[in-house]
Amino acid sequence: MNTNHIGQKEQEIMDFLHQRIFDAILQSPAASEKLKQGVRYTIMRMEQRDAAGMIQYYWSAIIGTERSIGFAALMRQEGFDRFEEALEEFRVRFDDQFLLQP
């Protein structure tokens, strides 16, 4: 899914988000170009971070920045899962213990 050289933890986070959120949008002919562009931008921004930064980015999107609130609304309007729909699994899977693993 990713051609960049990122670490194992980062790849695990990105694989999860691709499976739960990103790929459904990117592969859908029904998704607007604006939504696809937003997903590609989100992927690019997340891949610039380490695992802790990716997790922080995710939680910032949940809490709601000005940009993320509008993006989440567009995702819902177009019928796609948002970060919020993956919240429980993300919280359990990518906790402090995950970050402390070698």
Protein backbone atom coordinates (compact mmCIF):
# COMPACT_ATOMS: atom_id res chain seq x y z
CA MET A 1 0.00 0.00 0.00
CA ASN A 2 2.88 2.28 0.70
CA THR A 3 5.96 2.84 -1.40
CA ASN A 4 7.68 5.04 1.18
CA HIS A 5 10.14 3.54 3.61
CA ILE A 6 8.42 3.79 6.96
CA GLY A 7 8.90 1.68 10.06
CA GLN A 8 6.96 -1.40 11.03
CA LYS A 9 4.73 0.41 13.55
CA GLU A 10 3.96 3.17 11.10
CA GLN A 11 3.14 0.61 8.42
CA GLU A 12 0.81 -1.22 10.79
CA ILE A 13 -1.08 2.01 11.53
CA MET A 14 -1.31 2.90 7.84
CA ASP A 15 -2.42 -0.62 6.89
CA PHE A 16 -5.20 -0.39 9.47
CA LEU A 17 -6.36 3.00 8.19
CA HIS A 18 -6.19 1.89 4.57
CA GLN A 19 -8.29 -1.16 5.38
CA ARG A 20 -10.82 0.63 7.58
CA ILE A 21 -11.07 4.08 5.97
CA PHE A 22 -8.88 5.09 3.05
CA ASP A 23 -9.16 2.31 0.46
CA ALA A 24 -12.96 2.29 0.34
CA ILE A 25 -12.88 5.95 -0.64
CA LEU A 26 -9.92 5.79 -3.02
CA GLN A 27 -11.34 2.78 -4.87
CA SER A 28 -14.91 4.02 -5.09
CA PRO A 29 -16.14 5.46 -8.38
CA ALA A 30 -18.87 7.18 -6.34
CA ALA A 31 -16.46 9.14 -4.12
CA SER A 32 -15.99 12.76 -5.14
CA GLU A 33 -12.59 13.93 -6.33
CA LYS A 34 -12.56 16.38 -3.41
CA LEU A 35 -12.93 13.51 -0.95
CA LYS A 36 -10.27 11.40 -2.69
CA GLN A 37 -7.92 14.37 -2.72
CA GLY A 38 -8.50 14.86 1.01
CA VAL A 39 -7.70 11.20 1.68
CA ARG A 40 -4.50 11.40 -0.37
CA TYR A 41 -3.52 14.55 1.55
CA THR A 42 -4.22 12.83 4.88
CA ILE A 43 -2.10 9.83 3.86
CA MET A 44 0.75 12.11 2.80
CA ARG A 45 0.61 14.03 6.09
CA MET A 46 0.49 10.88 8.19
CA GLU A 47 3.41 9.29 6.35
CA GLN A 48 5.56 12.27 7.34
CA ARG A 49 5.20 11.25 11.00
CA ASP A 50 6.51 8.53 13.26
CA ALA A 51 4.05 6.13 14.94
CA ALA A 52 3.44 8.47 17.90
CA GLY A 53 2.85 11.37 15.50
CA MET A 54 0.42 9.29 13.42
CA ILE A 55 -1.57 8.41 16.52
CA GLN A 56 -1.60 12.05 17.61
CA TYR A 57 -2.76 13.09 14.11
CA TYR A 58 -5.60 10.54 14.30
CA TRP A 59 -6.77 11.83 17.69
CA SER A 60 -6.56 15.44 16.51
CA ALA A 61 -8.85 14.52 13.61
CA ILE A 62 -11.29 12.93 16.07
CA ILE A 63 -11.25 15.93 18.40
CA GLY A 64 -11.85 18.12 15.41
CA THR A 65 -9.72 20.75 13.81
CA GLU A 66 -11.43 23.21 11.50
CA ARG A 67 -10.28 21.18 8.48
CA SER A 68 -11.05 17.74 9.95
CA ILE A 69 -14.61 18.66 10.94
CA GLY A 70 -15.50 19.59 7.37
CA PHE A 71 -13.68 16.56 5.97
CA ALA A 72 -15.50 14.18 8.36
CA ALA A 73 -18.82 15.75 7.35
CA LEU A 74 -17.99 15.20 3.66
CA MET A 75 -17.06 11.57 4.34
CA ARG A 76 -20.37 11.01 6.11
CA GLN A 77 -22.34 12.89 3.44
CA GLU A 78 -20.85 10.65 0.75
CA GLY A 79 -21.60 7.53 2.80
CA PHE A 80 -18.10 6.50 3.91
CA ASP A 81 -16.72 5.54 7.30
CA ARG A 82 -14.90 8.28 9.15
CA PHE A 83 -12.07 8.01 11.70
CA GLU A 84 -14.78 7.95 14.36
CA GLU A 85 -16.12 4.62 13.07
CA ALA A 86 -12.73 3.00 13.70
CA LEU A 87 -12.22 4.68 17.08
CA GLU A 88 -12.71 1.71 19.43
CA GLU A 89 -10.48 -0.64 17.49
CA PHE A 90 -7.84 2.06 16.97
CA ARG A 91 -7.79 2.92 20.69
CA VAL A 92 -7.28 -0.72 21.72
CA ARG A 93 -4.79 -1.59 19.00
CA PHE A 94 -2.59 1.51 18.99
CA ASP A 95 -2.23 2.28 22.69
CA ASP A 96 0.84 3.19 24.77
CA GLN A 97 1.88 -0.47 24.90
CA PHE A 98 1.99 -0.51 21.11
CA LEU A 99 4.33 2.48 21.10
CA LEU A 100 6.58 0.93 23.76
CA GLN A 101 7.13 -2.28 21.79
CA PRO A 102 10.57 -2.55 20.20
